[in-house]
N, C-alpha and C. Protein backbone atom coordinates (compact mmCIF):
# COMPACT_ATOMS: atom_id res chain seq x y z
N UNK A 1 53.23 -21.76 -33.98
CA UNK A 1 53.71 -22.65 -35.05
C UNK A 1 53.59 -21.98 -36.42
N UNK A 2 52.41 -21.38 -36.69
CA UNK A 2 52.20 -20.79 -38.01
C UNK A 2 53.14 -19.61 -38.24
N UNK A 3 53.43 -18.85 -37.16
CA UNK A 3 54.30 -17.69 -37.36
C UNK A 3 55.75 -18.11 -37.53
N UNK A 4 56.15 -19.20 -36.89
CA UNK A 4 57.50 -19.74 -37.11
C UNK A 4 57.66 -20.19 -38.55
N UNK A 5 56.61 -20.84 -39.07
CA UNK A 5 56.64 -21.29 -40.47
C UNK A 5 56.66 -20.08 -41.40
N UNK A 6 55.88 -19.06 -41.05
CA UNK A 6 55.83 -17.85 -41.88
C UNK A 6 57.19 -17.18 -41.93
N UNK A 7 57.86 -17.11 -40.79
CA UNK A 7 59.18 -16.48 -40.74
C UNK A 7 60.17 -17.22 -41.60
N UNK A 8 60.06 -18.54 -41.62
CA UNK A 8 60.97 -19.37 -42.41
C UNK A 8 60.82 -19.09 -43.90
N UNK A 9 59.58 -18.91 -44.34
CA UNK A 9 59.33 -18.73 -45.76
C UNK A 9 59.13 -17.26 -46.16
N UNK A 10 59.29 -16.35 -45.22
CA UNK A 10 59.03 -14.95 -45.49
C UNK A 10 59.91 -14.38 -46.62
N UNK A 11 61.21 -14.73 -46.66
CA UNK A 11 62.03 -14.23 -47.79
C UNK A 11 61.50 -14.67 -49.15
N UNK A 12 60.90 -15.87 -49.21
CA UNK A 12 60.32 -16.33 -50.46
C UNK A 12 59.10 -15.50 -50.84
N UNK A 13 58.29 -15.17 -49.85
CA UNK A 13 57.12 -14.32 -50.10
C UNK A 13 57.56 -12.96 -50.62
N UNK A 14 58.60 -12.43 -50.01
CA UNK A 14 59.13 -11.14 -50.44
C UNK A 14 59.61 -11.21 -51.89
N UNK A 15 60.31 -12.27 -52.22
CA UNK A 15 60.83 -12.44 -53.58
C UNK A 15 59.71 -12.51 -54.61
N UNK A 16 58.63 -13.20 -54.24
CA UNK A 16 57.49 -13.33 -55.16
C UNK A 16 56.85 -11.97 -55.43
N UNK A 17 56.59 -11.22 -54.37
CA UNK A 17 55.97 -9.91 -54.55
C UNK A 17 56.88 -8.95 -55.32
N UNK A 18 58.15 -8.98 -55.01
CA UNK A 18 59.10 -8.08 -55.69
C UNK A 18 59.20 -8.42 -57.18
N UNK A 19 59.09 -9.70 -57.51
CA UNK A 19 59.14 -10.10 -58.93
C UNK A 19 57.96 -9.51 -59.69
N UNK A 20 56.79 -9.50 -59.06
CA UNK A 20 55.62 -8.90 -59.70
C UNK A 20 55.76 -7.39 -59.82
N UNK A 21 56.33 -6.78 -58.80
CA UNK A 21 56.50 -5.33 -58.81
C UNK A 21 57.52 -4.91 -59.87
N UNK A 22 58.63 -5.63 -59.94
CA UNK A 22 59.70 -5.29 -60.87
C UNK A 22 59.41 -5.72 -62.30
N UNK A 23 58.52 -6.70 -62.44
CA UNK A 23 58.16 -7.19 -63.77
C UNK A 23 58.72 -8.55 -64.04
N UNK A 24 57.92 -9.39 -64.65
CA UNK A 24 58.35 -10.74 -64.98
C UNK A 24 57.80 -11.11 -66.35
N UNK A 25 57.91 -12.37 -66.73
CA UNK A 25 57.51 -12.75 -68.09
C UNK A 25 56.03 -12.52 -68.33
N UNK A 26 55.66 -12.53 -69.60
CA UNK A 26 54.30 -12.29 -70.07
C UNK A 26 53.82 -10.87 -69.74
N UNK A 27 54.79 -9.96 -69.58
CA UNK A 27 54.49 -8.56 -69.33
C UNK A 27 53.73 -8.33 -68.02
N UNK A 28 53.94 -9.22 -67.07
CA UNK A 28 53.35 -9.04 -65.75
C UNK A 28 54.14 -7.96 -65.01
N UNK A 29 53.44 -6.93 -64.57
CA UNK A 29 54.10 -5.85 -63.85
C UNK A 29 53.06 -5.01 -63.12
N UNK A 30 53.53 -4.19 -62.21
CA UNK A 30 52.66 -3.25 -61.52
C UNK A 30 52.69 -1.92 -62.25
N UNK A 31 51.52 -1.40 -62.55
CA UNK A 31 51.43 -0.13 -63.27
C UNK A 31 51.78 1.03 -62.33
N UNK A 32 52.05 2.19 -62.89
CA UNK A 32 52.33 3.36 -62.03
C UNK A 32 51.18 3.67 -61.06
N UNK A 33 49.97 3.24 -61.43
CA UNK A 33 48.82 3.48 -60.55
C UNK A 33 48.76 2.49 -59.39
N UNK A 34 49.53 1.38 -59.51
CA UNK A 34 49.54 0.38 -58.43
C UNK A 34 48.77 -0.88 -58.74
N UNK A 35 48.22 -1.00 -59.96
CA UNK A 35 47.47 -2.18 -60.34
C UNK A 35 48.39 -3.22 -60.98
N UNK A 36 47.97 -4.47 -60.93
CA UNK A 36 48.75 -5.55 -61.53
C UNK A 36 48.27 -5.79 -62.95
N UNK A 37 49.20 -5.70 -63.88
CA UNK A 37 48.93 -5.84 -65.32
C UNK A 37 49.54 -7.16 -65.79
N UNK A 38 48.90 -7.79 -66.77
CA UNK A 38 49.48 -9.01 -67.32
C UNK A 38 48.97 -9.29 -68.72
N UNK A 39 49.82 -9.95 -69.51
CA UNK A 39 49.39 -10.40 -70.83
C UNK A 39 50.15 -9.77 -71.96
N UNK A 40 50.42 -10.58 -72.99
CA UNK A 40 51.02 -10.10 -74.22
C UNK A 40 50.78 -11.13 -75.31
N UNK A 41 50.73 -10.68 -76.54
CA UNK A 41 50.51 -11.59 -77.65
C UNK A 41 49.23 -12.39 -77.50
N UNK A 42 49.32 -13.70 -77.69
CA UNK A 42 48.16 -14.58 -77.58
C UNK A 42 48.13 -15.34 -76.26
N UNK A 43 49.00 -14.94 -75.33
CA UNK A 43 49.09 -15.64 -74.05
C UNK A 43 47.88 -15.31 -73.18
N UNK A 44 47.28 -16.34 -72.61
CA UNK A 44 46.15 -16.18 -71.71
C UNK A 44 46.62 -16.46 -70.28
N UNK A 45 46.41 -15.52 -69.39
CA UNK A 45 46.95 -15.65 -68.04
C UNK A 45 45.89 -15.85 -66.96
N UNK A 46 44.63 -15.58 -67.24
CA UNK A 46 43.61 -15.76 -66.22
C UNK A 46 42.93 -17.11 -66.41
N UNK A 47 42.01 -17.45 -65.52
CA UNK A 47 41.33 -18.74 -65.63
C UNK A 47 40.43 -18.80 -66.87
N UNK A 48 40.07 -17.66 -67.40
CA UNK A 48 39.31 -17.62 -68.65
C UNK A 48 40.29 -17.66 -69.81
N UNK A 49 40.82 -18.84 -70.07
CA UNK A 49 41.97 -18.98 -70.96
C UNK A 49 41.69 -19.74 -72.26
N UNK A 50 40.42 -19.84 -72.66
CA UNK A 50 40.09 -20.61 -73.87
C UNK A 50 40.68 -19.94 -75.11
N UNK A 51 41.26 -20.78 -75.97
CA UNK A 51 41.86 -20.29 -77.22
C UNK A 51 41.77 -21.41 -78.24
N UNK A 52 41.32 -21.09 -79.44
CA UNK A 52 41.23 -22.05 -80.54
C UNK A 52 42.19 -21.60 -81.62
N UNK A 53 43.32 -22.32 -81.77
CA UNK A 53 44.34 -21.87 -82.70
C UNK A 53 44.86 -20.51 -82.28
N UNK A 54 44.76 -19.53 -83.16
CA UNK A 54 45.19 -18.17 -82.85
C UNK A 54 44.03 -17.27 -82.41
N UNK A 55 42.86 -17.88 -82.23
CA UNK A 55 41.69 -17.09 -81.82
C UNK A 55 41.57 -17.12 -80.30
N UNK A 56 41.71 -15.97 -79.68
CA UNK A 56 41.57 -15.85 -78.22
C UNK A 56 40.12 -15.51 -77.92
N UNK A 57 39.44 -16.41 -77.22
CA UNK A 57 38.01 -16.25 -77.00
C UNK A 57 37.70 -15.10 -76.05
N UNK A 58 38.41 -15.03 -74.94
CA UNK A 58 38.18 -13.97 -73.96
C UNK A 58 39.48 -13.23 -73.69
N UNK A 59 39.88 -12.35 -74.59
CA UNK A 59 41.12 -11.59 -74.37
C UNK A 59 40.98 -10.70 -73.14
N UNK A 60 41.80 -10.95 -72.14
CA UNK A 60 41.69 -10.19 -70.90
C UNK A 60 43.05 -9.60 -70.51
N UNK A 61 43.82 -9.23 -71.52
CA UNK A 61 45.09 -8.57 -71.24
C UNK A 61 44.83 -7.20 -70.63
N UNK A 62 45.68 -6.86 -69.69
CA UNK A 62 45.50 -5.60 -68.99
C UNK A 62 45.42 -5.87 -67.50
N UNK A 63 44.45 -5.26 -66.85
CA UNK A 63 44.27 -5.41 -65.40
C UNK A 63 42.92 -6.05 -65.13
N UNK A 64 42.86 -7.37 -64.99
CA UNK A 64 41.59 -8.05 -64.70
C UNK A 64 41.15 -7.82 -63.26
N UNK A 65 39.87 -7.78 -63.04
CA UNK A 65 39.33 -7.43 -61.73
C UNK A 65 39.72 -8.43 -60.66
N UNK A 66 39.62 -9.73 -60.94
CA UNK A 66 39.92 -10.72 -59.90
C UNK A 66 41.41 -10.78 -59.59
N UNK A 67 42.25 -10.55 -60.60
CA UNK A 67 43.70 -10.55 -60.37
C UNK A 67 44.09 -9.41 -59.45
N UNK A 68 43.44 -8.27 -59.62
CA UNK A 68 43.79 -7.12 -58.79
C UNK A 68 43.18 -7.21 -57.39
N UNK A 69 42.06 -7.89 -57.25
CA UNK A 69 41.54 -8.16 -55.92
C UNK A 69 42.49 -9.10 -55.17
N UNK A 70 43.00 -10.10 -55.88
CA UNK A 70 43.96 -11.03 -55.28
C UNK A 70 45.29 -10.33 -54.98
N UNK A 71 45.72 -9.44 -55.86
CA UNK A 71 46.96 -8.69 -55.65
C UNK A 71 46.86 -7.82 -54.40
N UNK A 72 45.77 -7.12 -54.26
CA UNK A 72 45.57 -6.28 -53.06
C UNK A 72 45.61 -7.15 -51.80
N UNK A 73 44.94 -8.28 -51.83
CA UNK A 73 44.92 -9.16 -50.66
C UNK A 73 46.29 -9.76 -50.38
N UNK A 74 47.05 -10.06 -51.42
CA UNK A 74 48.40 -10.58 -51.22
C UNK A 74 49.27 -9.55 -50.49
N UNK A 75 49.14 -8.29 -50.88
CA UNK A 75 49.91 -7.23 -50.24
C UNK A 75 49.49 -7.03 -48.78
N UNK A 76 48.19 -7.09 -48.53
CA UNK A 76 47.69 -6.91 -47.18
C UNK A 76 48.08 -8.08 -46.27
N UNK A 77 47.98 -9.27 -46.79
CA UNK A 77 48.37 -10.46 -46.01
C UNK A 77 49.86 -10.41 -45.69
N UNK A 78 50.65 -10.02 -46.67
CA UNK A 78 52.10 -9.90 -46.46
C UNK A 78 52.39 -8.92 -45.33
N UNK A 79 51.70 -7.79 -45.32
CA UNK A 79 51.93 -6.79 -44.27
C UNK A 79 51.59 -7.34 -42.89
N UNK A 80 50.54 -8.15 -42.81
CA UNK A 80 50.17 -8.77 -41.54
C UNK A 80 51.25 -9.75 -41.09
N UNK A 81 51.70 -10.59 -42.02
CA UNK A 81 52.76 -11.55 -41.70
C UNK A 81 54.03 -10.82 -41.27
N UNK A 82 54.36 -9.73 -41.96
CA UNK A 82 55.58 -8.98 -41.64
C UNK A 82 55.56 -8.49 -40.20
N UNK A 83 54.42 -7.98 -39.79
CA UNK A 83 54.31 -7.48 -38.42
C UNK A 83 54.48 -8.61 -37.41
N UNK A 84 53.92 -9.76 -37.72
CA UNK A 84 53.96 -10.89 -36.78
C UNK A 84 55.34 -11.51 -36.65
N UNK A 85 56.12 -11.48 -37.73
CA UNK A 85 57.43 -12.15 -37.70
C UNK A 85 58.59 -11.18 -37.55
N UNK A 86 58.28 -9.89 -37.33
CA UNK A 86 59.34 -8.94 -37.03
C UNK A 86 60.02 -8.30 -38.22
N UNK A 87 59.36 -8.29 -39.37
CA UNK A 87 59.90 -7.61 -40.55
C UNK A 87 59.12 -6.32 -40.79
N UNK A 88 59.67 -5.44 -41.58
CA UNK A 88 58.96 -4.23 -41.95
C UNK A 88 58.14 -4.49 -43.21
N UNK A 89 56.85 -4.28 -43.10
CA UNK A 89 55.98 -4.46 -44.25
C UNK A 89 55.41 -3.15 -44.75
N UNK A 90 56.02 -2.03 -44.32
CA UNK A 90 55.48 -0.71 -44.64
C UNK A 90 55.41 -0.45 -46.14
N UNK A 91 56.46 -0.83 -46.86
CA UNK A 91 56.48 -0.60 -48.31
C UNK A 91 55.32 -1.30 -48.99
N UNK A 92 55.06 -2.53 -48.59
CA UNK A 92 53.99 -3.30 -49.22
C UNK A 92 52.62 -2.84 -48.74
N UNK A 93 52.54 -2.40 -47.49
CA UNK A 93 51.28 -1.85 -46.98
C UNK A 93 50.92 -0.58 -47.74
N UNK A 94 51.92 0.26 -48.00
CA UNK A 94 51.68 1.49 -48.77
C UNK A 94 51.25 1.18 -50.20
N UNK A 95 51.86 0.14 -50.78
CA UNK A 95 51.49 -0.26 -52.14
C UNK A 95 50.06 -0.81 -52.16
N UNK A 96 49.67 -1.49 -51.08
CA UNK A 96 48.30 -2.00 -50.98
C UNK A 96 47.30 -0.85 -50.99
N UNK A 97 47.58 0.20 -50.24
CA UNK A 97 46.68 1.34 -50.21
C UNK A 97 46.62 2.04 -51.57
N UNK A 98 47.74 2.09 -52.24
CA UNK A 98 47.78 2.67 -53.58
C UNK A 98 46.95 1.84 -54.55
N UNK A 99 47.07 0.51 -54.43
CA UNK A 99 46.30 -0.40 -55.28
C UNK A 99 44.80 -0.26 -55.01
N UNK A 100 44.45 -0.08 -53.75
CA UNK A 100 43.02 0.06 -53.40
C UNK A 100 42.43 1.32 -54.00
N UNK A 101 43.17 2.41 -53.91
CA UNK A 101 42.69 3.68 -54.49
C UNK A 101 42.47 3.53 -55.99
N UNK A 102 43.45 2.89 -56.67
CA UNK A 102 43.34 2.70 -58.12
C UNK A 102 42.21 1.74 -58.46
N UNK A 103 42.07 0.68 -57.66
CA UNK A 103 41.00 -0.29 -57.90
C UNK A 103 39.64 0.40 -57.86
N UNK A 104 39.43 1.19 -56.84
CA UNK A 104 38.15 1.85 -56.69
C UNK A 104 37.92 2.88 -57.81
N UNK A 105 38.97 3.50 -58.28
CA UNK A 105 38.86 4.49 -59.35
C UNK A 105 38.52 3.84 -60.68
N UNK A 106 39.15 2.71 -60.99
CA UNK A 106 39.04 2.14 -62.33
C UNK A 106 38.01 1.01 -62.46
N UNK A 107 37.72 0.31 -61.39
CA UNK A 107 36.84 -0.85 -61.53
C UNK A 107 35.39 -0.58 -61.14
N UNK A 108 35.15 0.32 -60.21
CA UNK A 108 33.77 0.62 -59.82
C UNK A 108 33.12 1.48 -60.90
N UNK A 109 32.03 1.00 -61.47
CA UNK A 109 31.35 1.80 -62.49
C UNK A 109 30.02 2.33 -61.95
N UNK A 110 29.35 3.12 -62.75
CA UNK A 110 28.11 3.76 -62.30
C UNK A 110 26.88 2.90 -62.56
N UNK A 111 27.12 1.61 -62.91
CA UNK A 111 26.00 0.70 -63.17
C UNK A 111 25.75 -0.26 -62.02
N UNK A 112 26.54 -0.12 -60.96
CA UNK A 112 26.30 -0.93 -59.77
C UNK A 112 27.12 -2.19 -59.65
N UNK A 113 28.09 -2.37 -60.56
CA UNK A 113 28.95 -3.55 -60.49
C UNK A 113 30.37 -3.16 -60.86
N UNK A 114 31.25 -4.14 -61.03
CA UNK A 114 32.66 -3.86 -61.31
C UNK A 114 33.02 -4.20 -62.75
N UNK A 115 33.82 -3.34 -63.37
CA UNK A 115 34.34 -3.64 -64.70
C UNK A 115 35.17 -4.91 -64.64
N UNK A 116 35.18 -5.67 -65.73
CA UNK A 116 35.90 -6.94 -65.74
C UNK A 116 37.39 -6.78 -66.01
N UNK A 117 37.75 -5.94 -66.96
CA UNK A 117 39.15 -5.67 -67.30
C UNK A 117 39.29 -4.19 -67.63
N UNK A 118 40.37 -3.61 -67.17
CA UNK A 118 40.63 -2.21 -67.52
C UNK A 118 42.10 -2.03 -67.89
N UNK A 119 42.36 -0.94 -68.56
CA UNK A 119 43.72 -0.45 -68.74
C UNK A 119 43.71 1.00 -68.30
N UNK A 120 44.67 1.41 -67.49
CA UNK A 120 44.66 2.78 -66.99
C UNK A 120 44.63 3.86 -68.07
N UNK A 121 44.96 3.47 -69.32
CA UNK A 121 44.95 4.47 -70.39
C UNK A 121 43.54 4.75 -70.91
N UNK A 122 42.55 4.03 -70.37
CA UNK A 122 41.18 4.34 -70.75
C UNK A 122 40.36 3.16 -71.22
N UNK A 123 40.99 2.04 -71.63
CA UNK A 123 40.23 0.87 -72.08
C UNK A 123 39.44 0.27 -70.92
N UNK A 124 38.17 -0.04 -71.17
CA UNK A 124 37.32 -0.65 -70.15
C UNK A 124 36.46 -1.74 -70.79
N UNK A 125 36.51 -2.93 -70.20
CA UNK A 125 35.58 -4.00 -70.56
C UNK A 125 34.61 -4.13 -69.39
N UNK A 126 33.39 -3.67 -69.59
CA UNK A 126 32.41 -3.69 -68.50
C UNK A 126 31.44 -4.86 -68.61
N UNK A 127 31.86 -5.94 -69.27
CA UNK A 127 31.03 -7.13 -69.34
C UNK A 127 30.69 -7.62 -67.94
N UNK A 128 29.47 -8.07 -67.75
CA UNK A 128 29.07 -8.59 -66.44
C UNK A 128 29.53 -10.04 -66.34
N UNK A 129 30.59 -10.25 -65.59
CA UNK A 129 31.16 -11.58 -65.39
C UNK A 129 31.31 -11.85 -63.89
N UNK A 130 31.48 -13.12 -63.52
CA UNK A 130 31.55 -13.47 -62.10
C UNK A 130 32.88 -13.14 -61.44
N UNK A 131 33.88 -12.74 -62.22
CA UNK A 131 35.21 -12.47 -61.65
C UNK A 131 35.17 -11.40 -60.57
N UNK A 132 34.20 -10.50 -60.65
CA UNK A 132 34.10 -9.41 -59.69
C UNK A 132 33.79 -9.89 -58.27
N UNK A 133 33.31 -11.12 -58.13
CA UNK A 133 32.95 -11.63 -56.80
C UNK A 133 34.16 -11.67 -55.87
N UNK A 134 35.37 -11.80 -56.44
CA UNK A 134 36.57 -11.88 -55.60
C UNK A 134 36.82 -10.57 -54.84
N UNK A 135 36.31 -9.49 -55.35
CA UNK A 135 36.51 -8.20 -54.68
C UNK A 135 35.77 -8.12 -53.35
N UNK A 136 34.78 -9.02 -53.15
CA UNK A 136 34.03 -8.98 -51.89
C UNK A 136 34.09 -10.29 -51.12
N UNK A 137 34.74 -11.30 -51.68
CA UNK A 137 34.81 -12.59 -50.98
C UNK A 137 36.12 -12.80 -50.24
N UNK A 138 37.15 -12.06 -50.62
CA UNK A 138 38.47 -12.22 -50.01
C UNK A 138 38.53 -11.50 -48.66
N UNK A 139 39.49 -11.86 -47.80
CA UNK A 139 39.55 -11.31 -46.44
C UNK A 139 39.61 -9.79 -46.37
N UNK A 140 40.35 -9.17 -47.29
CA UNK A 140 40.48 -7.72 -47.27
C UNK A 140 39.61 -7.13 -48.38
N UNK A 141 38.50 -6.56 -47.96
CA UNK A 141 37.48 -6.09 -48.89
C UNK A 141 37.88 -4.77 -49.53
N UNK A 142 37.51 -4.61 -50.78
CA UNK A 142 37.81 -3.38 -51.52
C UNK A 142 36.61 -2.45 -51.64
N UNK A 143 35.44 -2.92 -51.23
CA UNK A 143 34.22 -2.16 -51.42
C UNK A 143 33.53 -1.87 -50.09
N UNK A 144 32.70 -0.87 -50.08
CA UNK A 144 31.85 -0.60 -48.92
C UNK A 144 30.73 -1.65 -48.89
N UNK A 145 30.03 -1.75 -47.79
CA UNK A 145 28.92 -2.71 -47.70
C UNK A 145 27.86 -2.42 -48.75
N UNK A 146 27.58 -1.15 -48.97
CA UNK A 146 26.57 -0.77 -49.96
C UNK A 146 27.01 -1.19 -51.36
N UNK A 147 28.27 -0.96 -51.67
CA UNK A 147 28.79 -1.34 -52.99
C UNK A 147 28.80 -2.86 -53.16
N UNK A 148 29.17 -3.57 -52.10
CA UNK A 148 29.22 -5.03 -52.16
C UNK A 148 27.82 -5.60 -52.38
N UNK A 149 26.83 -5.04 -51.71
CA UNK A 149 25.45 -5.51 -51.89
C UNK A 149 24.98 -5.25 -53.32
N UNK A 150 25.39 -4.15 -53.89
CA UNK A 150 25.01 -3.83 -55.27
C UNK A 150 25.62 -4.85 -56.23
N UNK A 151 26.89 -5.20 -56.01
CA UNK A 151 27.55 -6.20 -56.85
C UNK A 151 26.84 -7.54 -56.74
N UNK A 152 26.49 -7.94 -55.52
CA UNK A 152 25.78 -9.20 -55.32
C UNK A 152 24.42 -9.19 -56.00
N UNK A 153 23.75 -8.06 -55.95
CA UNK A 153 22.44 -7.97 -56.61
C UNK A 153 22.56 -8.15 -58.12
N UNK A 154 23.59 -7.55 -58.71
CA UNK A 154 23.81 -7.70 -60.14
C UNK A 154 24.12 -9.16 -60.49
N UNK A 155 24.96 -9.78 -59.67
CA UNK A 155 25.29 -11.19 -59.90
C UNK A 155 24.04 -12.05 -59.77
N UNK A 156 23.21 -11.77 -58.76
CA UNK A 156 21.96 -12.52 -58.59
C UNK A 156 21.06 -12.37 -59.80
N UNK A 157 20.99 -11.17 -60.33
CA UNK A 157 20.09 -10.89 -61.45
C UNK A 157 20.56 -11.52 -62.76
N UNK A 158 21.87 -11.53 -63.00
CA UNK A 158 22.37 -11.88 -64.32
C UNK A 158 23.19 -13.18 -64.40
N UNK A 159 23.78 -13.60 -63.29
CA UNK A 159 24.72 -14.72 -63.37
C UNK A 159 24.35 -15.91 -62.50
N UNK A 160 23.50 -15.72 -61.53
CA UNK A 160 23.18 -16.78 -60.58
C UNK A 160 22.36 -17.90 -61.22
N UNK A 161 22.73 -19.15 -60.91
CA UNK A 161 21.91 -20.32 -61.23
C UNK A 161 22.00 -21.26 -60.02
N UNK A 162 21.15 -22.27 -59.99
CA UNK A 162 21.17 -23.23 -58.88
C UNK A 162 22.41 -24.12 -58.90
N UNK A 163 23.15 -24.11 -60.01
CA UNK A 163 24.32 -24.98 -60.13
C UNK A 163 25.64 -24.22 -60.07
N UNK A 164 25.58 -22.92 -60.03
CA UNK A 164 26.80 -22.12 -60.01
C UNK A 164 26.55 -20.77 -60.66
N UNK A 165 27.61 -20.09 -61.03
CA UNK A 165 27.49 -18.78 -61.66
C UNK A 165 27.81 -18.85 -63.15
N UNK A 166 27.00 -18.16 -63.94
CA UNK A 166 27.31 -18.06 -65.37
C UNK A 166 28.60 -17.28 -65.55
N UNK A 167 29.33 -17.60 -66.59
CA UNK A 167 30.58 -16.90 -66.87
C UNK A 167 30.37 -15.62 -67.67
N UNK A 168 29.14 -15.37 -68.09
CA UNK A 168 28.84 -14.14 -68.83
C UNK A 168 27.35 -13.85 -68.74
N UNK A 169 27.04 -12.59 -68.72
CA UNK A 169 25.66 -12.12 -68.71
C UNK A 169 24.91 -12.62 -69.95
N UNK A 170 23.74 -13.25 -69.79
CA UNK A 170 22.97 -13.76 -70.94
C UNK A 170 22.58 -12.69 -71.96
N UNK A 171 22.56 -11.43 -71.54
CA UNK A 171 22.18 -10.37 -72.47
C UNK A 171 23.36 -9.89 -73.33
N UNK A 172 24.55 -10.39 -73.04
CA UNK A 172 25.73 -10.00 -73.81
C UNK A 172 25.67 -10.65 -75.21
N UNK A 173 26.16 -9.95 -76.21
CA UNK A 173 26.10 -10.45 -77.59
C UNK A 173 26.94 -11.71 -77.79
N UNK A 174 27.94 -11.94 -76.96
CA UNK A 174 28.79 -13.12 -77.08
C UNK A 174 28.33 -14.30 -76.22
N UNK A 175 27.20 -14.14 -75.54
CA UNK A 175 26.73 -15.20 -74.65
C UNK A 175 26.41 -16.47 -75.41
N UNK A 176 26.88 -17.59 -74.88
CA UNK A 176 26.60 -18.90 -75.48
C UNK A 176 25.94 -19.78 -74.43
N UNK A 177 24.69 -20.16 -74.63
CA UNK A 177 23.93 -20.87 -73.59
C UNK A 177 24.27 -22.35 -73.44
N UNK A 178 24.90 -22.94 -74.45
CA UNK A 178 25.15 -24.38 -74.41
C UNK A 178 26.62 -24.71 -74.63
N UNK A 179 27.11 -25.66 -73.84
CA UNK A 179 28.47 -26.15 -73.99
C UNK A 179 28.41 -27.54 -74.62
N UNK A 180 28.99 -27.68 -75.81
CA UNK A 180 28.97 -28.97 -76.50
C UNK A 180 29.40 -28.80 -77.93
N UNK A 181 29.49 -29.93 -78.65
CA UNK A 181 29.86 -29.89 -80.05
C UNK A 181 31.34 -30.10 -80.27
N UNK A 182 31.87 -29.54 -81.37
CA UNK A 182 33.28 -29.70 -81.68
C UNK A 182 34.13 -28.75 -80.84
N UNK A 183 35.43 -28.74 -81.07
CA UNK A 183 36.32 -27.91 -80.25
C UNK A 183 35.96 -26.43 -80.33
N UNK A 184 35.67 -25.98 -81.55
CA UNK A 184 35.33 -24.57 -81.71
C UNK A 184 34.08 -24.22 -80.91
N UNK A 185 33.04 -25.05 -81.02
CA UNK A 185 31.80 -24.78 -80.31
C UNK A 185 31.99 -24.85 -78.79
N UNK A 186 32.79 -25.82 -78.34
CA UNK A 186 33.02 -25.96 -76.90
C UNK A 186 33.84 -24.79 -76.35
N UNK A 187 34.95 -24.52 -77.00
CA UNK A 187 35.86 -23.51 -76.46
C UNK A 187 35.33 -22.09 -76.56
N UNK A 188 34.48 -21.83 -77.55
CA UNK A 188 33.90 -20.49 -77.66
C UNK A 188 32.71 -20.31 -76.71
N UNK A 189 32.30 -21.39 -76.06
CA UNK A 189 31.23 -21.30 -75.06
C UNK A 189 31.78 -21.42 -73.64
N UNK A 190 33.00 -21.90 -73.53
CA UNK A 190 33.60 -22.29 -72.25
C UNK A 190 33.51 -21.22 -71.17
N UNK A 191 33.83 -19.98 -71.55
CA UNK A 191 33.76 -18.87 -70.60
C UNK A 191 32.83 -17.76 -71.09
N UNK A 192 31.93 -18.13 -71.95
CA UNK A 192 31.00 -17.16 -72.53
C UNK A 192 29.56 -17.48 -72.16
N UNK A 193 29.39 -18.04 -70.99
CA UNK A 193 28.04 -18.35 -70.52
C UNK A 193 27.98 -19.63 -69.71
N UNK A 194 28.91 -20.55 -69.98
CA UNK A 194 28.94 -21.82 -69.24
C UNK A 194 28.94 -21.56 -67.73
N UNK A 195 28.14 -22.33 -67.01
CA UNK A 195 28.04 -22.20 -65.56
C UNK A 195 29.21 -22.94 -64.90
N UNK A 196 29.84 -22.27 -63.92
CA UNK A 196 30.99 -22.84 -63.21
C UNK A 196 30.65 -22.99 -61.74
N UNK A 197 30.71 -24.23 -61.25
CA UNK A 197 30.34 -24.52 -59.87
C UNK A 197 31.36 -24.01 -58.86
N UNK A 198 32.65 -23.95 -59.23
CA UNK A 198 33.67 -23.57 -58.26
C UNK A 198 33.48 -22.14 -57.75
N UNK A 199 32.78 -21.32 -58.53
CA UNK A 199 32.55 -19.94 -58.11
C UNK A 199 31.55 -19.84 -56.96
N UNK A 200 30.86 -20.93 -56.67
CA UNK A 200 29.92 -20.94 -55.56
C UNK A 200 30.60 -20.62 -54.25
N UNK A 201 31.83 -21.11 -54.08
CA UNK A 201 32.52 -20.88 -52.81
C UNK A 201 32.75 -19.40 -52.58
N UNK A 202 33.07 -18.66 -53.66
CA UNK A 202 33.27 -17.21 -53.54
C UNK A 202 31.94 -16.49 -53.35
N UNK A 203 30.92 -16.96 -54.05
CA UNK A 203 29.61 -16.34 -53.97
C UNK A 203 29.02 -16.48 -52.58
N UNK A 204 29.22 -17.63 -51.94
CA UNK A 204 28.60 -17.90 -50.65
C UNK A 204 29.24 -17.11 -49.51
N UNK A 205 30.51 -16.77 -49.64
CA UNK A 205 31.22 -16.12 -48.53
C UNK A 205 30.64 -14.77 -48.13
N UNK A 206 30.30 -13.88 -49.08
CA UNK A 206 29.81 -12.56 -48.66
C UNK A 206 28.37 -12.56 -48.15
N UNK A 207 27.63 -13.65 -48.36
CA UNK A 207 26.21 -13.66 -48.03
C UNK A 207 25.99 -13.62 -46.50
């Protein structure tokens, strides 16, 4: 049943992936290295989208870690579906491997965790944020077991709470421990330390 349904919607899946590869609005496109890039101007595209007027609280334009973990998994899942429903998924499987090589090159740092946002031209935001958990919680893993354990240890040390994961390392200069007050106070704390319970589902999977 599931494969019959997959075959029915497979052209739509192909169209979605091709749109990302060829480029779509908000400067979403695949870089020559194989990573998924997004963002332009003041547009916020990730879940960390707080903005007060023209002030972008967490500018994450470029290649965010969780977006690229999801992109790699989308390509891998597509290749599996293609094989099951009788289509060729070789092009997308090859792109997945290219994305994995680039992911490991640009996101794994020498501090034991993953960079939060990068640009292949050299920009790196190595803030300790929970977005990196997606690289080890999704079905197709991008890290070795040793690397995954290191990421979990860093998250345990800096982001773990009994109610969820902090959105930013408390030692970061932009960390805000309390969510409350007027719009400016709320929105500038929203993803700068506020604990998010929904991340528990991702955190629990690799354990």
